[in-house]
């Protein structure tokens, strides 16, 4: 008889919003494409506990609806960045290293390779979630696990406010 194993792992998800947005826009060939967090987050967590969800975003056009939604559903937050998310995300990941078992970095940017190496040296499991075609191969190799973000994980936002799924 198979025993049920309780997975008791605390996970922080840190998203480089600009990187992920650029990647899915490139893949879908549509700048109104948005990440569907309602399907992606449960898939990334895979029955593990969510400790933090932080969406780092450069620029002024940060959606208040996104911030509200992330807070309501995941107690997540959106952090505006002065320039790129690399430094703020790296600082937050380093701060969280002693508080979580796993950090999932949502970005395919090779700038995070040194961060991944550092976090692993601190005993943290590091996973990358990104669009495979736009992810640096070295980042995939350095991570403990890679979650490909596919068209199942996004939707096209229509200006009327009604999101719709992409037909496959």
C-alpha atoms as a PDB file:
ATOM      1  CA  UNK A   1       0.000   0.000   0.000  1.00  0.00           C
ATOM      2  CA  UNK A   2       1.450   3.352  -1.063  1.00  0.00           C
ATOM      3  CA  UNK A   3       1.855   5.924   1.672  1.00  0.00           C
ATOM      4  CA  UNK A   4       0.806   9.530   1.141  1.00  0.00           C
ATOM      5  CA  UNK A   5       3.740  11.886   1.430  1.00  0.00           C
ATOM      6  CA  UNK A   6       3.059  15.309   2.874  1.00  0.00           C
ATOM      7  CA  UNK A   7       5.066  17.940   1.055  1.00  0.00           C
ATOM      8  CA  UNK A   8       5.798  20.694   3.532  1.00  0.00           C
ATOM      9  CA  UNK A   9       7.831  23.138   1.527  1.00  0.00           C
ATOM     10  CA  UNK A  10       7.629  26.917   1.660  1.00  0.00           C
ATOM     11  CA  UNK A  11       7.955  28.661  -1.716  1.00  0.00           C
ATOM     12  CA  UNK A  12       8.571  32.269  -2.741  1.00  0.00           C
ATOM     13  CA  UNK A  13       7.755  33.243  -6.335  1.00  0.00           C
ATOM     14  CA  UNK A  14       9.625  36.290  -7.601  1.00  0.00           C
ATOM     15  CA  UNK A  15       8.570  37.487 -11.039  1.00  0.00           C
ATOM     16  CA  UNK A  16      10.562  39.756 -13.334  1.00  0.00           C
ATOM     17  CA  UNK A  17       7.399  41.145 -14.909  1.00  0.00           C
ATOM     18  CA  UNK A  18       9.025  42.931 -17.833  1.00  0.00           C
ATOM     19  CA  UNK A  19      11.013  39.845 -18.834  1.00  0.00           C
ATOM     20  CA  UNK A  20       8.004  37.517 -18.691  1.00  0.00           C
ATOM     21  CA  UNK A  21       5.733  40.019 -20.458  1.00  0.00           C
ATOM     22  CA  UNK A  22       8.259  40.509 -23.275  1.00  0.00           C
ATOM     23  CA  UNK A  23       8.630  36.736 -23.668  1.00  0.00           C
ATOM     24  CA  UNK A  24       4.915  35.977 -23.881  1.00  0.00           C
ATOM     25  CA  UNK A  25       4.308  38.945 -26.184  1.00  0.00           C
ATOM     26  CA  UNK A  26       7.041  37.613 -28.484  1.00  0.00           C
ATOM     27  CA  UNK A  27       5.633  34.066 -28.407  1.00  0.00           C
ATOM     28  CA  UNK A  28       1.995  35.071 -28.909  1.00  0.00           C
ATOM     29  CA  UNK A  29       2.822  37.944 -31.284  1.00  0.00           C
ATOM     30  CA  UNK A  30       0.341  40.058 -29.311  1.00  0.00           C
ATOM     31  CA  UNK A  31       1.149  42.791 -26.772  1.00  0.00           C
ATOM     32  CA  UNK A  32      -2.205  42.248 -25.004  1.00  0.00           C
ATOM     33  CA  UNK A  33      -1.107  38.806 -23.806  1.00  0.00           C
ATOM     34  CA  UNK A  34      -0.999  38.436 -20.026  1.00  0.00           C
ATOM     35  CA  UNK A  35       0.081  35.699 -17.629  1.00  0.00           C
ATOM     36  CA  UNK A  36      -2.843  33.735 -16.235  1.00  0.00           C
ATOM     37  CA  UNK A  37      -1.722  33.506 -12.606  1.00  0.00           C
ATOM     38  CA  UNK A  38      -4.819  31.487 -11.692  1.00  0.00           C
ATOM     39  CA  UNK A  39      -3.523  28.515 -13.678  1.00  0.00           C
ATOM     40  CA  UNK A  40       0.231  29.162 -13.446  1.00  0.00           C
ATOM     41  CA  UNK A  41       0.641  29.617  -9.663  1.00  0.00           C
ATOM     42  CA  UNK A  42      -1.001  26.283  -8.681  1.00  0.00           C
ATOM     43  CA  UNK A  43       1.066  24.540 -11.371  1.00  0.00           C
ATOM     44  CA  UNK A  44       4.328  26.074 -10.078  1.00  0.00           C
ATOM     45  CA  UNK A  45       3.509  25.319  -6.451  1.00  0.00           C
ATOM     46  CA  UNK A  46       2.415  21.722  -7.092  1.00  0.00           C
ATOM     47  CA  UNK A  47       0.898  21.325  -3.596  1.00  0.00           C
ATOM     48  CA  UNK A  48       3.648  23.269  -1.827  1.00  0.00           C
ATOM     49  CA  UNK A  49       2.919  26.270   0.370  1.00  0.00           C
ATOM     50  CA  UNK A  50       3.171  29.800  -1.008  1.00  0.00           C
ATOM     51  CA  UNK A  51       5.171  32.077   1.292  1.00  0.00           C
ATOM     52  CA  UNK A  52       5.504  35.148  -0.981  1.00  0.00           C
ATOM     53  CA  UNK A  53       4.531  36.222  -4.470  1.00  0.00           C
ATOM     54  CA  UNK A  54       6.203  39.399  -5.668  1.00  0.00           C
ATOM     55  CA  UNK A  55       5.841  40.842  -9.160  1.00  0.00           C
ATOM     56  CA  UNK A  56       8.657  43.272  -9.975  1.00  0.00           C
ATOM     57  CA  UNK A  57       7.762  45.690 -12.750  1.00  0.00           C
ATOM     58  CA  UNK A  58       9.650  48.560 -14.372  1.00  0.00           C
ATOM     59  CA  UNK A  59       7.636  51.465 -15.731  1.00  0.00           C
ATOM     60  CA  UNK A  60       4.640  53.558 -14.827  1.00  0.00           C
ATOM     61  CA  UNK A  61       1.902  51.554 -16.499  1.00  0.00           C
ATOM     62  CA  UNK A  62       1.579  49.010 -13.696  1.00  0.00           C
ATOM     63  CA  UNK A  63      -1.955  47.696 -13.612  1.00  0.00           C
ATOM     64  CA  UNK A  64      -3.696  48.386 -10.308  1.00  0.00           C
ATOM     65  CA  UNK A  65      -6.039  45.517 -11.229  1.00  0.00           C
ATOM     66  CA  UNK A  66      -3.075  43.139 -11.378  1.00  0.00           C
ATOM     67  CA  UNK A  67      -1.814  44.344  -7.989  1.00  0.00           C
ATOM     68  CA  UNK A  68      -5.286  43.975  -6.479  1.00  0.00           C
ATOM     69  CA  UNK A  69      -5.781  40.522  -7.965  1.00  0.00           C
ATOM     70  CA  UNK A  70      -2.383  39.230  -6.792  1.00  0.00           C
ATOM     71  CA  UNK A  71      -3.087  40.533  -3.298  1.00  0.00           C
ATOM     72  CA  UNK A  72      -6.624  39.122  -3.104  1.00  0.00           C
ATOM     73  CA  UNK A  73      -5.740  35.671  -4.409  1.00  0.00           C
ATOM     74  CA  UNK A  74      -2.172  35.152  -3.164  1.00  0.00           C
ATOM     75  CA  UNK A  75      -1.352  38.002  -0.736  1.00  0.00           C
ATOM     76  CA  UNK A  76       1.056  38.960  -3.487  1.00  0.00           C
ATOM     77  CA  UNK A  77       2.437  42.386  -4.203  1.00  0.00           C
ATOM     78  CA  UNK A  78       3.652  44.403  -7.157  1.00  0.00           C
ATOM     79  CA  UNK A  79       6.944  46.235  -6.687  1.00  0.00           C
ATOM     80  CA  UNK A  80       7.676  49.103  -9.091  1.00  0.00           C
ATOM     81  CA  UNK A  81      11.335  49.212 -10.145  1.00  0.00           C
ATOM     82  CA  UNK A  82      13.382  52.255 -11.094  1.00  0.00           C
ATOM     83  CA  UNK A  83      15.093  50.476 -13.985  1.00  0.00           C
ATOM     84  CA  UNK A  84      15.229  46.728 -14.477  1.00  0.00           C
ATOM     85  CA  UNK A  85      13.979  44.241 -11.880  1.00  0.00           C
ATOM     86  CA  UNK A  86      17.353  42.454 -11.649  1.00  0.00           C
ATOM     87  CA  UNK A  87      18.697  44.211  -8.560  1.00  0.00           C
ATOM     88  CA  UNK A  88      15.466  44.559  -6.517  1.00  0.00           C
ATOM     89  CA  UNK A  89      14.540  40.928  -7.274  1.00  0.00           C
ATOM     90  CA  UNK A  90      18.034  39.718  -6.342  1.00  0.00           C
ATOM     91  CA  UNK A  91      18.009  41.649  -3.063  1.00  0.00           C
ATOM     92  CA  UNK A  92      14.570  40.263  -2.141  1.00  0.00           C
ATOM     93  CA  UNK A  93      15.634  36.709  -3.039  1.00  0.00           C
ATOM     94  CA  UNK A  94      18.713  37.039  -0.819  1.00  0.00           C
ATOM     95  CA  UNK A  95      16.559  38.376   2.041  1.00  0.00           C
ATOM     96  CA  UNK A  96      14.125  35.472   1.680  1.00  0.00           C
ATOM     97  CA  UNK A  97      16.785  32.746   1.379  1.00  0.00           C
ATOM     98  CA  UNK A  98      16.712  31.922   5.095  1.00  0.00           C
ATOM     99  CA  UNK A  99      12.896  32.014   5.279  1.00  0.00           C
ATOM    100  CA  UNK A 100      11.865  29.642   2.468  1.00  0.00           C
ATOM    101  CA  UNK A 101      12.799  26.220   1.106  1.00  0.00           C
ATOM    102  CA  UNK A 102      12.405  27.105  -2.579  1.00  0.00           C
ATOM    103  CA  UNK A 103      12.575  30.285  -4.623  1.00  0.00           C
ATOM    104  CA  UNK A 104      10.988  30.270  -8.051  1.00  0.00           C
ATOM    105  CA  UNK A 105      12.352  33.023 -10.279  1.00  0.00           C
ATOM    106  CA  UNK A 106      10.006  33.873 -13.130  1.00  0.00           C
ATOM    107  CA  UNK A 107      12.486  35.095 -15.729  1.00  0.00           C
ATOM    108  CA  UNK A 108      14.630  33.704 -18.504  1.00  0.00           C
ATOM    109  CA  UNK A 109      17.309  36.387 -18.121  1.00  0.00           C
ATOM    110  CA  UNK A 110      20.888  35.125 -17.833  1.00  0.00           C
ATOM    111  CA  UNK A 111      21.560  38.037 -15.441  1.00  0.00           C
ATOM    112  CA  UNK A 112      20.098  35.805 -12.722  1.00  0.00           C
ATOM    113  CA  UNK A 113      22.715  33.022 -13.091  1.00  0.00           C
ATOM    114  CA  UNK A 114      24.903  34.362 -10.264  1.00  0.00           C
ATOM    115  CA  UNK A 115      21.841  34.787  -8.039  1.00  0.00           C
ATOM    116  CA  UNK A 116      20.808  31.176  -8.701  1.00  0.00           C
ATOM    117  CA  UNK A 117      24.318  29.977  -7.803  1.00  0.00           C
ATOM    118  CA  UNK A 118      24.359  32.073  -4.623  1.00  0.00           C
ATOM    119  CA  UNK A 119      20.916  30.922  -3.448  1.00  0.00           C
ATOM    120  CA  UNK A 120      21.845  27.280  -4.051  1.00  0.00           C
ATOM    121  CA  UNK A 121      25.053  27.762  -2.036  1.00  0.00           C
ATOM    122  CA  UNK A 122      22.805  28.995   0.809  1.00  0.00           C
ATOM    123  CA  UNK A 123      20.849  25.728   0.669  1.00  0.00           C
ATOM    124  CA  UNK A 124      17.814  27.075  -1.168  1.00  0.00           C
ATOM    125  CA  UNK A 125      16.180  25.079  -3.956  1.00  0.00           C
ATOM    126  CA  UNK A 126      15.975  27.366  -7.011  1.00  0.00           C
ATOM    127  CA  UNK A 127      13.508  26.867  -9.832  1.00  0.00           C
ATOM    128  CA  UNK A 128      13.088  28.923 -12.980  1.00  0.00           C
ATOM    129  CA  UNK A 129       9.721  29.525 -14.651  1.00  0.00           C
ATOM    130  CA  UNK A 130       9.926  31.121 -18.080  1.00  0.00           C
ATOM    131  CA  UNK A 131       9.163  30.778 -21.778  1.00  0.00           C
ATOM    132  CA  UNK A 132      11.694  28.181 -22.908  1.00  0.00           C
ATOM    133  CA  UNK A 133      12.513  29.759 -26.293  1.00  0.00           C
ATOM    134  CA  UNK A 134      13.510  33.045 -24.639  1.00  0.00           C
ATOM    135  CA  UNK A 135      15.301  31.549 -21.623  1.00  0.00           C
ATOM    136  CA  UNK A 136      19.098  31.490 -21.372  1.00  0.00           C
ATOM    137  CA  UNK A 137      20.233  27.847 -21.521  1.00  0.00           C
ATOM    138  CA  UNK A 138      22.761  28.441 -18.723  1.00  0.00           C
ATOM    139  CA  UNK A 139      19.926  29.576 -16.439  1.00  0.00           C
ATOM    140  CA  UNK A 140      18.029  26.338 -17.094  1.00  0.00           C
ATOM    141  CA  UNK A 141      21.216  24.329 -16.446  1.00  0.00           C
ATOM    142  CA  UNK A 142      22.008  26.109 -13.156  1.00  0.00           C
ATOM    143  CA  UNK A 143      18.485  25.821 -11.729  1.00  0.00           C
ATOM    144  CA  UNK A 144      17.287  22.821  -9.736  1.00  0.00           C
ATOM    145  CA  UNK A 145      14.179  22.667 -11.918  1.00  0.00           C
ATOM    146  CA  UNK A 146      12.746  24.452 -14.966  1.00  0.00           C
ATOM    147  CA  UNK A 147       9.010  25.144 -15.424  1.00  0.00           C
ATOM    148  CA  UNK A 148       8.225  26.059 -19.040  1.00  0.00           C
ATOM    149  CA  UNK A 149       5.601  28.801 -19.335  1.00  0.00           C
ATOM    150  CA  UNK A 150       3.472  27.857 -22.345  1.00  0.00           C
ATOM    151  CA  UNK A 151       0.407  29.217 -24.124  1.00  0.00           C
ATOM    152  CA  UNK A 152      -1.712  27.341 -21.557  1.00  0.00           C
ATOM    153  CA  UNK A 153      -0.401  29.849 -18.993  1.00  0.00           C
ATOM    154  CA  UNK A 154      -1.507  33.069 -20.671  1.00  0.00           C
ATOM    155  CA  UNK A 155      -4.538  34.788 -22.146  1.00  0.00           C
ATOM    156  CA  UNK A 156      -5.236  37.682 -24.486  1.00  0.00           C
ATOM    157  CA  UNK A 157      -6.569  40.743 -22.706  1.00  0.00           C
ATOM    158  CA  UNK A 158      -9.274  42.499 -24.698  1.00  0.00           C
ATOM    159  CA  UNK A 159      -9.835  46.233 -24.086  1.00  0.00           C
ATOM    160  CA  UNK A 160     -13.479  45.642 -23.134  1.00  0.00           C
ATOM    161  CA  UNK A 161     -12.053  44.072 -19.986  1.00  0.00           C
ATOM    162  CA  UNK A 162     -12.997  40.535 -20.934  1.00  0.00           C
ATOM    163  CA  UNK A 163      -9.978  38.237 -21.020  1.00  0.00           C
ATOM    164  CA  UNK A 164     -10.235  35.250 -23.300  1.00  0.00           C
ATOM    165  CA  UNK A 165      -8.175  32.115 -23.647  1.00  0.00           C
ATOM    166  CA  UNK A 166      -6.152  31.540 -26.782  1.00  0.00           C
ATOM    167  CA  UNK A 167      -7.677  28.842 -28.943  1.00  0.00           C
ATOM    168  CA  UNK A 168      -5.256  25.964 -29.450  1.00  0.00           C
END
